[in-house]
PDB file of N, CA and C in Angstrom:
ATOM      1  N   MET A   1       0.399 -30.653  32.572  1.00  0.00           N
ATOM      2  CA  MET A   1       1.265 -29.889  33.443  1.00  0.00           C
ATOM      3  C   MET A   1       0.686 -28.484  33.611  1.00  0.00           C
ATOM      4  N   ARG A   2       0.523 -28.080  34.814  1.00  0.00           N
ATOM      5  CA  ARG A   2      -0.033 -26.771  35.102  1.00  0.00           C
ATOM      6  C   ARG A   2       1.095 -25.769  35.340  1.00  0.00           C
ATOM      7  N   THR A   3       1.013 -24.649  34.661  1.00  0.00           N
ATOM      8  CA  THR A   3       2.031 -23.619  34.778  1.00  0.00           C
ATOM      9  C   THR A   3       1.493 -22.489  35.635  1.00  0.00           C
ATOM     10  N   SER A   4       2.286 -22.054  36.557  1.00  0.00           N
ATOM     11  CA  SER A   4       1.850 -20.946  37.407  1.00  0.00           C
ATOM     12  C   SER A   4       2.167 -19.615  36.720  1.00  0.00           C
ATOM     13  N   LEU A   5       1.513 -18.577  37.183  1.00  0.00           N
ATOM     14  CA  LEU A   5       1.760 -17.240  36.665  1.00  0.00           C
ATOM     15  C   LEU A   5       3.222 -16.858  36.867  1.00  0.00           C
ATOM     16  N   LYS A   6       3.773 -17.255  37.997  1.00  0.00           N
ATOM     17  CA  LYS A   6       5.174 -16.948  38.289  1.00  0.00           C
ATOM     18  C   LYS A   6       6.101 -17.583  37.246  1.00  0.00           C
ATOM     19  N   ASP A   7       5.826 -18.844  36.880  1.00  0.00           N
ATOM     20  CA  ASP A   7       6.623 -19.536  35.860  1.00  0.00           C
ATOM     21  C   ASP A   7       6.467 -18.864  34.498  1.00  0.00           C
ATOM     22  N   PHE A   8       5.234 -18.522  34.165  1.00  0.00           N
ATOM     23  CA  PHE A   8       4.971 -17.855  32.892  1.00  0.00           C
ATOM     24  C   PHE A   8       5.736 -16.535  32.811  1.00  0.00           C
ATOM     25  N   ARG A   9       5.674 -15.755  33.891  1.00  0.00           N
ATOM     26  CA  ARG A   9       6.364 -14.459  33.930  1.00  0.00           C
ATOM     27  C   ARG A   9       7.864 -14.642  33.750  1.00  0.00           C
ATOM     28  N   ALA A  10       8.444 -15.611  34.438  1.00  0.00           N
ATOM     29  CA  ALA A  10       9.884 -15.862  34.331  1.00  0.00           C
ATOM     30  C   ALA A  10      10.267 -16.230  32.901  1.00  0.00           C
ATOM     31  N   ARG A  11       9.463 -17.082  32.266  1.00  0.00           N
ATOM     32  CA  ARG A  11       9.755 -17.476  30.874  1.00  0.00           C
ATOM     33  C   ARG A  11       9.613 -16.287  29.931  1.00  0.00           C
ATOM     34  N   ALA A  12       8.574 -15.508  30.138  1.00  0.00           N
ATOM     35  CA  ALA A  12       8.337 -14.356  29.261  1.00  0.00           C
ATOM     36  C   ALA A  12       9.453 -13.327  29.405  1.00  0.00           C
ATOM     37  N   LEU A  13       9.857 -13.044  30.645  1.00  0.00           N
ATOM     38  CA  LEU A  13      10.885 -12.027  30.871  1.00  0.00           C
ATOM     39  C   LEU A  13      12.272 -12.486  30.454  1.00  0.00           C
ATOM     40  N   ALA A  14      12.435 -13.768  30.196  1.00  0.00           N
ATOM     41  CA  ALA A  14      13.713 -14.274  29.690  1.00  0.00           C
ATOM     42  C   ALA A  14      13.908 -13.863  28.225  1.00  0.00           C
ATOM     43  N   ARG A  15      12.821 -13.508  27.559  1.00  0.00           N
ATOM     44  CA  ARG A  15      12.905 -13.039  26.168  1.00  0.00           C
ATOM     45  C   ARG A  15      13.259 -11.552  26.175  1.00  0.00           C
ATOM     46  N   ALA A  16      14.309 -11.182  25.435  1.00  0.00           N
ATOM     47  CA  ALA A  16      14.831  -9.810  25.456  1.00  0.00           C
ATOM     48  C   ALA A  16      13.785  -8.772  25.065  1.00  0.00           C
ATOM     49  N   ASN A  17      12.978  -9.056  24.039  1.00  0.00           N
ATOM     50  CA  ASN A  17      11.987  -8.073  23.608  1.00  0.00           C
ATOM     51  C   ASN A  17      10.888  -7.874  24.651  1.00  0.00           C
ATOM     52  N   VAL A  18      10.490  -8.940  25.318  1.00  0.00           N
ATOM     53  CA  VAL A  18       9.471  -8.831  26.376  1.00  0.00           C
ATOM     54  C   VAL A  18      10.047  -8.073  27.566  1.00  0.00           C
ATOM     55  N   ARG A  19      11.266  -8.389  27.951  1.00  0.00           N
ATOM     56  CA  ARG A  19      11.929  -7.710  29.081  1.00  0.00           C
ATOM     57  C   ARG A  19      12.039  -6.215  28.806  1.00  0.00           C
ATOM     58  N   ARG A  20      12.409  -5.851  27.587  1.00  0.00           N
ATOM     59  CA  ARG A  20      12.569  -4.437  27.231  1.00  0.00           C
ATOM     60  C   ARG A  20      11.236  -3.694  27.387  1.00  0.00           C
ATOM     61  N   GLU A  21      10.149  -4.269  26.875  1.00  0.00           N
ATOM     62  CA  GLU A  21       8.834  -3.638  26.986  1.00  0.00           C
ATOM     63  C   GLU A  21       8.360  -3.576  28.439  1.00  0.00           C
ATOM     64  N   TYR A  22       8.604  -4.648  29.170  1.00  0.00           N
ATOM     65  CA  TYR A  22       8.226  -4.710  30.589  1.00  0.00           C
ATOM     66  C   TYR A  22       8.948  -3.607  31.371  1.00  0.00           C
ATOM     67  N   ASP A  23      10.251  -3.495  31.149  1.00  0.00           N
ATOM     68  CA  ASP A  23      11.036  -2.475  31.844  1.00  0.00           C
ATOM     69  C   ASP A  23      10.597  -1.069  31.462  1.00  0.00           C
ATOM     70  N   ALA A  24      10.201  -0.885  30.213  1.00  0.00           N
ATOM     71  CA  ALA A  24       9.750   0.429  29.756  1.00  0.00           C
ATOM     72  C   ALA A  24       8.474   0.877  30.468  1.00  0.00           C
ATOM     73  N   LEU A  25       7.688  -0.081  30.944  1.00  0.00           N
ATOM     74  CA  LEU A  25       6.431   0.243  31.632  1.00  0.00           C
ATOM     75  C   LEU A  25       6.581   0.358  33.152  1.00  0.00           C
ATOM     76  N   ALA A  26       7.778   0.147  33.663  1.00  0.00           N
ATOM     77  CA  ALA A  26       7.997   0.113  35.114  1.00  0.00           C
ATOM     78  C   ALA A  26       7.525   1.391  35.810  1.00  0.00           C
ATOM     79  N   GLU A  27       7.836   2.547  35.254  1.00  0.00           N
ATOM     80  CA  GLU A  27       7.438   3.803  35.899  1.00  0.00           C
ATOM     81  C   GLU A  27       5.920   3.961  35.941  1.00  0.00           C
ATOM     82  N   GLU A  28       5.247   3.554  34.868  1.00  0.00           N
ATOM     83  CA  GLU A  28       3.791   3.640  34.856  1.00  0.00           C
ATOM     84  C   GLU A  28       3.181   2.721  35.916  1.00  0.00           C
ATOM     85  N   PHE A  29       3.723   1.507  36.032  1.00  0.00           N
ATOM     86  CA  PHE A  29       3.216   0.583  37.041  1.00  0.00           C
ATOM     87  C   PHE A  29       3.484   1.098  38.453  1.00  0.00           C
ATOM     88  N   GLU A  30       4.616   1.755  38.654  1.00  0.00           N
ATOM     89  CA  GLU A  30       4.917   2.330  39.970  1.00  0.00           C
ATOM     90  C   GLU A  30       3.900   3.415  40.309  1.00  0.00           C
ATOM     91  N   LEU A  31       3.577   4.262  39.334  1.00  0.00           N
ATOM     92  CA  LEU A  31       2.593   5.320  39.568  1.00  0.00           C
ATOM     93  C   LEU A  31       1.221   4.721  39.866  1.00  0.00           C
ATOM     94  N   LEU A  32       0.817   3.723  39.096  1.00  0.00           N
ATOM     95  CA  LEU A  32      -0.469   3.070  39.349  1.00  0.00           C
ATOM     96  C   LEU A  32      -0.501   2.456  40.744  1.00  0.00           C
ATOM     97  N   ASP A  33       0.599   1.840  41.144  1.00  0.00           N
ATOM     98  CA  ASP A  33       0.687   1.248  42.471  1.00  0.00           C
ATOM     99  C   ASP A  33       0.526   2.318  43.547  1.00  0.00           C
ATOM    100  N   GLU A  34       1.181   3.459  43.365  1.00  0.00           N
ATOM    101  CA  GLU A  34       1.049   4.565  44.331  1.00  0.00           C
ATOM    102  C   GLU A  34      -0.388   5.062  44.408  1.00  0.00           C
ATOM    103  N   ILE A  35      -1.015   5.212  43.253  1.00  0.00           N
ATOM    104  CA  ILE A  35      -2.396   5.698  43.204  1.00  0.00           C
ATOM    105  C   ILE A  35      -3.327   4.749  43.956  1.00  0.00           C
ATOM    106  N   LEU A  36      -3.199   3.464  43.688  1.00  0.00           N
ATOM    107  CA  LEU A  36      -4.080   2.478  44.331  1.00  0.00           C
ATOM    108  C   LEU A  36      -3.825   2.393  45.831  1.00  0.00           C
ATOM    109  N   LYS A  37      -2.565   2.448  46.238  1.00  0.00           N
ATOM    110  CA  LYS A  37      -2.240   2.408  47.667  1.00  0.00           C
ATOM    111  C   LYS A  37      -2.768   3.650  48.379  1.00  0.00           C
ATOM    112  N   ALA A  38      -2.680   4.797  47.732  1.00  0.00           N
ATOM    113  CA  ALA A  38      -3.169   6.036  48.347  1.00  0.00           C
ATOM    114  C   ALA A  38      -4.677   5.978  48.561  1.00  0.00           C
ATOM    115  N   ARG A  39      -5.403   5.471  47.560  1.00  0.00           N
ATOM    116  CA  ARG A  39      -6.863   5.378  47.718  1.00  0.00           C
ATOM    117  C   ARG A  39      -7.220   4.380  48.810  1.00  0.00           C
ATOM    118  N   ALA A  40      -6.496   3.269  48.863  1.00  0.00           N
ATOM    119  CA  ALA A  40      -6.751   2.266  49.905  1.00  0.00           C
ATOM    120  C   ALA A  40      -6.468   2.865  51.288  1.00  0.00           C
ATOM    121  N   ALA A  41      -5.378   3.605  51.403  1.00  0.00           N
ATOM    122  CA  ALA A  41      -5.030   4.225  52.687  1.00  0.00           C
ATOM    123  C   ALA A  41      -6.071   5.259  53.111  1.00  0.00           C
ATOM    124  N   ALA A  42      -6.660   5.932  52.128  1.00  0.00           N
ATOM    125  CA  ALA A  42      -7.696   6.924  52.427  1.00  0.00           C
ATOM    126  C   ALA A  42      -9.026   6.257  52.752  1.00  0.00           C
ATOM    127  N   GLY A  43      -9.150   4.963  52.447  1.00  0.00           N
ATOM    128  CA  GLY A  43     -10.375   4.238  52.743  1.00  0.00           C
ATOM    129  C   GLY A  43     -11.549   4.652  51.874  1.00  0.00           C
ATOM    130  N   LEU A  44     -11.268   5.050  50.639  1.00  0.00           N
ATOM    131  CA  LEU A  44     -12.323   5.527  49.755  1.00  0.00           C
ATOM    132  C   LEU A  44     -12.559   4.561  48.601  1.00  0.00           C
ATOM    133  N   THR A  45     -13.791   4.511  48.144  1.00  0.00           N
ATOM    134  CA  THR A  45     -14.119   3.744  46.956  1.00  0.00           C
ATOM    135  C   THR A  45     -13.879   4.628  45.732  1.00  0.00           C
ATOM    136  N   GLN A  46     -13.887   4.015  44.562  1.00  0.00           N
ATOM    137  CA  GLN A  46     -13.770   4.805  43.336  1.00  0.00           C
ATOM    138  C   GLN A  46     -14.928   5.795  43.219  1.00  0.00           C
ATOM    139  N   ALA A  47     -16.109   5.366  43.601  1.00  0.00           N
ATOM    140  CA  ALA A  47     -17.284   6.238  43.525  1.00  0.00           C
ATOM    141  C   ALA A  47     -17.129   7.444  44.453  1.00  0.00           C
ATOM    142  N   GLU A  48     -16.579   7.220  45.638  1.00  0.00           N
ATOM    143  CA  GLU A  48     -16.381   8.331  46.577  1.00  0.00           C
ATOM    144  C   GLU A  48     -15.337   9.319  46.063  1.00  0.00           C
ATOM    145  N   VAL A  49     -14.264   8.815  45.471  1.00  0.00           N
ATOM    146  CA  VAL A  49     -13.251   9.702  44.882  1.00  0.00           C
ATOM    147  C   VAL A  49     -13.883  10.478  43.734  1.00  0.00           C
ATOM    148  N   ALA A  50     -14.655   9.791  42.902  1.00  0.00           N
ATOM    149  CA  ALA A  50     -15.311  10.441  41.767  1.00  0.00           C
ATOM    150  C   ALA A  50     -16.195  11.591  42.224  1.00  0.00           C
ATOM    151  N   ALA A  51     -16.966  11.366  43.275  1.00  0.00           N
ATOM    152  CA  ALA A  51     -17.852  12.418  43.792  1.00  0.00           C
ATOM    153  C   ALA A  51     -17.037  13.616  44.276  1.00  0.00           C
ATOM    154  N   ARG A  52     -15.905  13.346  44.907  1.00  0.00           N
ATOM    155  CA  ARG A  52     -15.065  14.432  45.426  1.00  0.00           C
ATOM    156  C   ARG A  52     -14.434  15.269  44.323  1.00  0.00           C
ATOM    157  N   ILE A  53     -14.140  14.650  43.181  1.00  0.00           N
ATOM    158  CA  ILE A  53     -13.467  15.409  42.125  1.00  0.00           C
ATOM    159  C   ILE A  53     -14.404  15.783  40.975  1.00  0.00           C
ATOM    160  N   GLY A  54     -15.667  15.417  41.107  1.00  0.00           N
ATOM    161  CA  GLY A  54     -16.661  15.824  40.119  1.00  0.00           C
ATOM    162  C   GLY A  54     -16.598  15.054  38.816  1.00  0.00           C
ATOM    163  N   THR A  55     -16.426  13.759  38.912  1.00  0.00           N
ATOM    164  CA  THR A  55     -16.411  12.920  37.717  1.00  0.00           C
ATOM    165  C   THR A  55     -17.181  11.642  38.005  1.00  0.00           C
ATOM    166  N   THR A  56     -17.072  10.672  37.139  1.00  0.00           N
ATOM    167  CA  THR A  56     -17.795   9.417  37.315  1.00  0.00           C
ATOM    168  C   THR A  56     -16.874   8.332  37.866  1.00  0.00           C
ATOM    169  N   GLN A  57     -17.476   7.306  38.426  1.00  0.00           N
ATOM    170  CA  GLN A  57     -16.704   6.173  38.935  1.00  0.00           C
ATOM    171  C   GLN A  57     -15.928   5.523  37.806  1.00  0.00           C
ATOM    172  N   SER A  58     -16.537   5.434  36.616  1.00  0.00           N
ATOM    173  CA  SER A  58     -15.852   4.792  35.485  1.00  0.00           C
ATOM    174  C   SER A  58     -14.622   5.585  35.055  1.00  0.00           C
ATOM    175  N   ALA A  59     -14.666   6.915  35.179  1.00  0.00           N
ATOM    176  CA  ALA A  59     -13.490   7.732  34.855  1.00  0.00           C
ATOM    177  C   ALA A  59     -12.363   7.454  35.848  1.00  0.00           C
ATOM    178  N   VAL A  60     -12.699   7.290  37.117  1.00  0.00           N
ATOM    179  CA  VAL A  60     -11.697   6.960  38.130  1.00  0.00           C
ATOM    180  C   VAL A  60     -11.137   5.565  37.857  1.00  0.00           C
ATOM    181  N   ALA A  61     -11.989   4.638  37.478  1.00  0.00           N
ATOM    182  CA  ALA A  61     -11.534   3.288  37.155  1.00  0.00           C
ATOM    183  C   ALA A  61     -10.545   3.310  35.998  1.00  0.00           C
ATOM    184  N   ARG A  62     -10.838   4.110  34.966  1.00  0.00           N
ATOM    185  CA  ARG A  62      -9.908   4.220  33.826  1.00  0.00           C
ATOM    186  C   ARG A  62      -8.576   4.800  34.271  1.00  0.00           C
ATOM    187  N   LEU A  63      -8.622   5.827  35.122  1.00  0.00           N
ATOM    188  CA  LEU A  63      -7.402   6.443  35.620  1.00  0.00           C
ATOM    189  C   LEU A  63      -6.559   5.432  36.391  1.00  0.00           C
ATOM    190  N   GLU A  64      -7.212   4.572  37.148  1.00  0.00           N
ATOM    191  CA  GLU A  64      -6.509   3.603  37.983  1.00  0.00           C
ATOM    192  C   GLU A  64      -6.097   2.337  37.242  1.00  0.00           C
ATOM    193  N   SER A  65      -6.576   2.150  36.039  1.00  0.00           N
ATOM    194  CA  SER A  65      -6.321   0.868  35.380  1.00  0.00           C
ATOM    195  C   SER A  65      -5.157   0.876  34.415  1.00  0.00           C
ATOM    196  N   ALA A  66      -4.998   1.903  33.646  1.00  0.00           N
ATOM    197  CA  ALA A  66      -3.925   1.872  32.648  1.00  0.00           C
ATOM    198  C   ALA A  66      -3.588   3.282  32.193  1.00  0.00           C
ATOM    199  N   ILE A  67      -2.591   3.846  32.829  1.00  0.00           N
ATOM    200  CA  ILE A  67      -2.174   5.200  32.482  1.00  0.00           C
ATOM    201  C   ILE A  67      -1.764   5.272  31.008  1.00  0.00           C
ATOM    202  N   GLY A  68      -1.084   4.243  30.509  1.00  0.00           N
ATOM    203  CA  GLY A  68      -0.619   4.240  29.132  1.00  0.00           C
ATOM    204  C   GLY A  68      -1.735   4.317  28.102  1.00  0.00           C
ATOM    205  N   LYS A  69      -2.886   3.732  28.422  1.00  0.00           N
ATOM    206  CA  LYS A  69      -4.009   3.743  27.485  1.00  0.00           C
ATOM    207  C   LYS A  69      -4.817   5.022  27.607  1.00  0.00           C
ATOM    208  N   HIS A  70      -4.834   5.581  28.769  1.00  0.00           N
ATOM    209  CA  HIS A  70      -5.587   6.805  29.031  1.00  0.00           C
ATOM    210  C   HIS A  70      -4.675   7.717  29.826  1.00  0.00           C
ATOM    211  N   SER A  71      -4.151   8.731  29.191  1.00  0.00           N
ATOM    212  CA  SER A  71      -3.221   9.633  29.867  1.00  0.00           C
ATOM    213  C   SER A  71      -3.987  10.789  30.497  1.00  0.00           C
ATOM    214  N   PRO A  72      -4.185  10.739  31.811  1.00  0.00           N
ATOM    215  CA  PRO A  72      -4.911  11.821  32.474  1.00  0.00           C
ATOM    216  C   PRO A  72      -4.066  13.092  32.489  1.00  0.00           C
ATOM    217  N   SER A  73      -4.726  14.222  32.515  1.00  0.00           N
ATOM    218  CA  SER A  73      -4.013  15.494  32.578  1.00  0.00           C
ATOM    219  C   SER A  73      -3.417  15.674  33.973  1.00  0.00           C
ATOM    220  N   ILE A  74      -2.473  16.559  34.071  1.00  0.00           N
ATOM    221  CA  ILE A  74      -1.887  16.871  35.375  1.00  0.00           C
ATOM    222  C   ILE A  74      -2.965  17.445  36.291  1.00  0.00           C
ATOM    223  N   ALA A  75      -3.869  18.232  35.730  1.00  0.00           N
ATOM    224  CA  ALA A  75      -4.960  18.804  36.532  1.00  0.00           C
ATOM    225  C   ALA A  75      -5.829  17.695  37.129  1.00  0.00           C
ATOM    226  N   THR A  76      -6.116  16.666  36.337  1.00  0.00           N
ATOM    227  CA  THR A  76      -6.912  15.539  36.836  1.00  0.00           C
ATOM    228  C   THR A  76      -6.172  14.806  37.945  1.00  0.00           C
ATOM    229  N   LEU A  77      -4.886  14.561  37.736  1.00  0.00           N
ATOM    230  CA  LEU A  77      -4.094  13.887  38.769  1.00  0.00           C
ATOM    231  C   LEU A  77      -4.016  14.722  40.045  1.00  0.00           C
ATOM    232  N   LYS A  78      -3.949  16.045  39.899  1.00  0.00           N
ATOM    233  CA  LYS A  78      -3.940  16.929  41.080  1.00  0.00           C
ATOM    234  C   LYS A  78      -5.254  16.808  41.849  1.00  0.00           C
ATOM    235  N   ARG A  79      -6.386  16.823  41.128  1.00  0.00           N
ATOM    236  CA  ARG A  79      -7.691  16.703  41.795  1.00  0.00           C
ATOM    237  C   ARG A  79      -7.816  15.354  42.489  1.00  0.00           C
ATOM    238  N   TYR A  80      -7.356  14.300  41.819  1.00  0.00           N
ATOM    239  CA  TYR A  80      -7.400  12.948  42.396  1.00  0.00           C
ATOM    240  C   TYR A  80      -6.578  12.920  43.678  1.00  0.00           C
ATOM    241  N   ALA A  81      -5.348  13.419  43.612  1.00  0.00           N
ATOM    242  CA  ALA A  81      -4.469  13.427  44.788  1.00  0.00           C
ATOM    243  C   ALA A  81      -5.099  14.223  45.925  1.00  0.00           C
ATOM    244  N   SER A  82      -5.653  15.379  45.606  1.00  0.00           N
ATOM    245  CA  SER A  82      -6.271  16.226  46.621  1.00  0.00           C
ATOM    246  C   SER A  82      -7.459  15.544  47.290  1.00  0.00           C
ATOM    247  N   ALA A  83      -8.238  14.810  46.507  1.00  0.00           N
ATOM    248  CA  ALA A  83      -9.395  14.091  47.052  1.00  0.00           C
ATOM    249  C   ALA A  83      -8.976  13.043  48.071  1.00  0.00           C
ATOM    250  N   LEU A  84      -7.736  12.560  47.953  1.00  0.00           N
ATOM    251  CA  LEU A  84      -7.225  11.548  48.879  1.00  0.00           C
ATOM    252  C   LEU A  84      -6.411  12.145  50.020  1.00  0.00           C
ATOM    253  N   GLY A  85      -6.268  13.472  50.010  1.00  0.00           N
ATOM    254  CA  GLY A  85      -5.470  14.128  51.052  1.00  0.00           C
ATOM    255  C   GLY A  85      -3.984  14.172  50.716  1.00  0.00           C
ATOM    256  N   TYR A  86      -3.665  14.111  49.422  1.00  0.00           N
ATOM    257  CA  TYR A  86      -2.283  14.169  48.957  1.00  0.00           C
ATOM    258  C   TYR A  86      -2.110  15.386  48.068  1.00  0.00           C
ATOM    259  N   ARG A  87      -0.867  15.646  47.695  1.00  0.00           N
ATOM    260  CA  ARG A  87      -0.602  16.624  46.650  1.00  0.00           C
ATOM    261  C   ARG A  87       0.256  15.939  45.606  1.00  0.00           C
ATOM    262  N   LEU A  88       0.105  16.346  44.374  1.00  0.00           N
ATOM    263  CA  LEU A  88       0.841  15.755  43.267  1.00  0.00           C
ATOM    264  C   LEU A  88       2.195  16.429  43.133  1.00  0.00           C
ATOM    265  N   GLN A  89       3.214  15.641  42.904  1.00  0.00           N
ATOM    266  CA  GLN A  89       4.556  16.166  42.666  1.00  0.00           C
ATOM    267  C   GLN A  89       5.094  15.505  41.396  1.00  0.00           C
ATOM    268  N   VAL A  90       5.397  16.311  40.398  1.00  0.00           N
ATOM    269  CA  VAL A  90       5.944  15.813  39.139  1.00  0.00           C
ATOM    270  C   VAL A  90       7.360  16.354  39.018  1.00  0.00           C
ATOM    271  N   ARG A  91       8.297  15.457  38.723  1.00  0.00           N
ATOM    272  CA  ARG A  91       9.703  15.875  38.627  1.00  0.00           C
ATOM    273  C   ARG A  91      10.341  15.271  37.391  1.00  0.00           C
ATOM    274  N   LEU A  92      11.340  15.962  36.875  1.00  0.00           N
ATOM    275  CA  LEU A  92      12.198  15.418  35.831  1.00  0.00           C
ATOM    276  C   LEU A  92      13.473  14.940  36.509  1.00  0.00           C
ATOM    277  N   ILE A  93      13.879  13.738  36.201  1.00  0.00           N
ATOM    278  CA  ILE A  93      15.082  13.172  36.802  1.00  0.00           C
ATOM    279  C   ILE A  93      16.039  12.829  35.679  1.00  0.00           C
ATOM    280  N   LYS A  94      17.220  13.419  35.721  1.00  0.00           N
ATOM    281  CA  LYS A  94      18.236  13.200  34.688  1.00  0.00           C
ATOM    282  C   LYS A  94      18.661  11.744  34.682  1.00  0.00           C
ATOM    283  N   GLU A  95      18.661  11.142  33.492  1.00  0.00           N
ATOM    284  CA  GLU A  95      19.128   9.772  33.365  1.00  0.00           C
ATOM    285  C   GLU A  95      20.638   9.763  33.505  1.00  0.00           C
ATOM    286  N   GLN A  96      21.139   8.859  34.299  1.00  0.00           N
ATOM    287  CA  GLN A  96      22.566   8.782  34.537  1.00  0.00           C
ATOM    288  C   GLN A  96      23.295   8.265  33.317  1.00  0.00           C
ATOM    289  N   GLY A  97      24.444   8.843  33.050  1.00  0.00           N
ATOM    290  CA  GLY A  97      25.295   8.379  31.978  1.00  0.00           C
ATOM    291  C   GLY A  97      24.915   8.905  30.604  1.00  0.00           C
ATOM    292  N   LEU A  98      23.877   9.713  30.511  1.00  0.00           N
ATOM    293  CA  LEU A  98      23.490  10.262  29.222  1.00  0.00           C
ATOM    294  C   LEU A  98      23.868  11.728  29.145  1.00  0.00           C
ATOM    295  N   THR A  99      24.544  12.094  28.075  1.00  0.00           N
ATOM    296  CA  THR A  99      24.850  13.496  27.835  1.00  0.00           C
ATOM    297  C   THR A  99      23.668  14.098  27.096  1.00  0.00           C
ATOM    298  N   THR A 100      23.666  15.392  26.943  1.00  0.00           N
ATOM    299  CA  THR A 100      22.582  16.040  26.213  1.00  0.00           C
ATOM    300  C   THR A 100      22.532  15.515  24.790  1.00  0.00           C
ATOM    301  N   ARG A 101      23.699  15.354  24.159  1.00  0.00           N
ATOM    302  CA  ARG A 101      23.746  14.858  22.785  1.00  0.00           C
ATOM    303  C   ARG A 101      23.190  13.433  22.698  1.00  0.00           C
ATOM    304  N   SER A 102      23.585  12.538  23.624  1.00  0.00           N
ATOM    305  CA  SER A 102      23.100  11.159  23.547  1.00  0.00           C
ATOM    306  C   SER A 102      21.609  11.083  23.836  1.00  0.00           C
ATOM    307  N   THR A 103      21.106  11.994  24.638  1.00  0.00           N
ATOM    308  CA  THR A 103      19.672  12.037  24.921  1.00  0.00           C
ATOM    309  C   THR A 103      18.915  12.418  23.653  1.00  0.00           C
ATOM    310  N   ARG A 104      19.418  13.414  22.910  1.00  0.00           N
ATOM    311  CA  ARG A 104      18.773  13.821  21.661  1.00  0.00           C
ATOM    312  C   ARG A 104      18.812  12.698  20.640  1.00  0.00           C
ATOM    313  N   THR A 105      19.937  12.032  20.530  1.00  0.00           N
ATOM    314  CA  THR A 105      20.074  10.919  19.584  1.00  0.00           C
ATOM    315  C   THR A 105      19.103   9.819  19.926  1.00  0.00           C
ATOM    316  N   ARG A 106      18.989   9.493  21.216  1.00  0.00           N
ATOM    317  CA  ARG A 106      18.078   8.446  21.650  1.00  0.00           C
ATOM    318  C   ARG A 106      16.627   8.807  21.343  1.00  0.00           C
ATOM    319  N   ALA A 107      16.264  10.087  21.538  1.00  0.00           N
ATOM    320  CA  ALA A 107      14.901  10.536  21.266  1.00  0.00           C
ATOM    321  C   ALA A 107      14.601  10.439  19.776  1.00  0.00           C
ATOM    322  N   ARG A 108      15.562  10.827  18.916  1.00  0.00           N
ATOM    323  CA  ARG A 108      15.352  10.722  17.480  1.00  0.00           C
ATOM    324  C   ARG A 108      15.211   9.281  17.043  1.00  0.00           C
ATOM    325  N   THR A 109      16.012   8.425  17.633  1.00  0.00           N
ATOM    326  CA  THR A 109      15.961   6.988  17.305  1.00  0.00           C
ATOM    327  C   THR A 109      14.602   6.411  17.700  1.00  0.00           C
ATOM    328  N   ALA A 110      14.108   6.798  18.860  1.00  0.00           N
ATOM    329  CA  ALA A 110      12.808   6.291  19.334  1.00  0.00           C
ATOM    330  C   ALA A 110      11.677   6.750  18.418  1.00  0.00           C
ATOM    331  N   ARG A 111      11.745   8.002  17.961  1.00  0.00           N
ATOM    332  CA  ARG A 111      10.693   8.513  17.058  1.00  0.00           C
ATOM    333  C   ARG A 111      10.747   7.822  15.704  1.00  0.00           C
ATOM    334  N   ALA A 112      11.959   7.523  15.235  1.00  0.00           N
ATOM    335  CA  ALA A 112      12.115   6.908  13.915  1.00  0.00           C
ATOM    336  C   ALA A 112      11.685   5.446  13.923  1.00  0.00           C
ATOM    337  N   GLY A 113      11.827   4.775  15.110  1.00  0.00           N
ATOM    338  CA  GLY A 113      11.535   3.336  15.200  1.00  0.00           C
ATOM    339  C   GLY A 113      10.119   3.082  15.346  1.00  0.00           C
TER     340      GLY A 113
END
């Protein structure tokens, strides 16, 4: 029996621990998606972006592949965005339903776990 990726994903996400980790990475995947779409829209290769920002193609590849494994600086993201004709915008968005106290408790719990 051959299992498709779609079936595998559905089975994996049915597990609470997998779903929790998957959801935790959603923002990173959204950012990666934006980065890749912006470069595609600009019609540039990784090598061309690298030349524009003064780095190597492999550094651009790392930036585009996994933000969680390699956290680029805001300055690097600004240069990348500028090379594509964009500007970087970083914002803090208040989580709904969390008070300042519950936010602190959640942060302490995350550090302890």
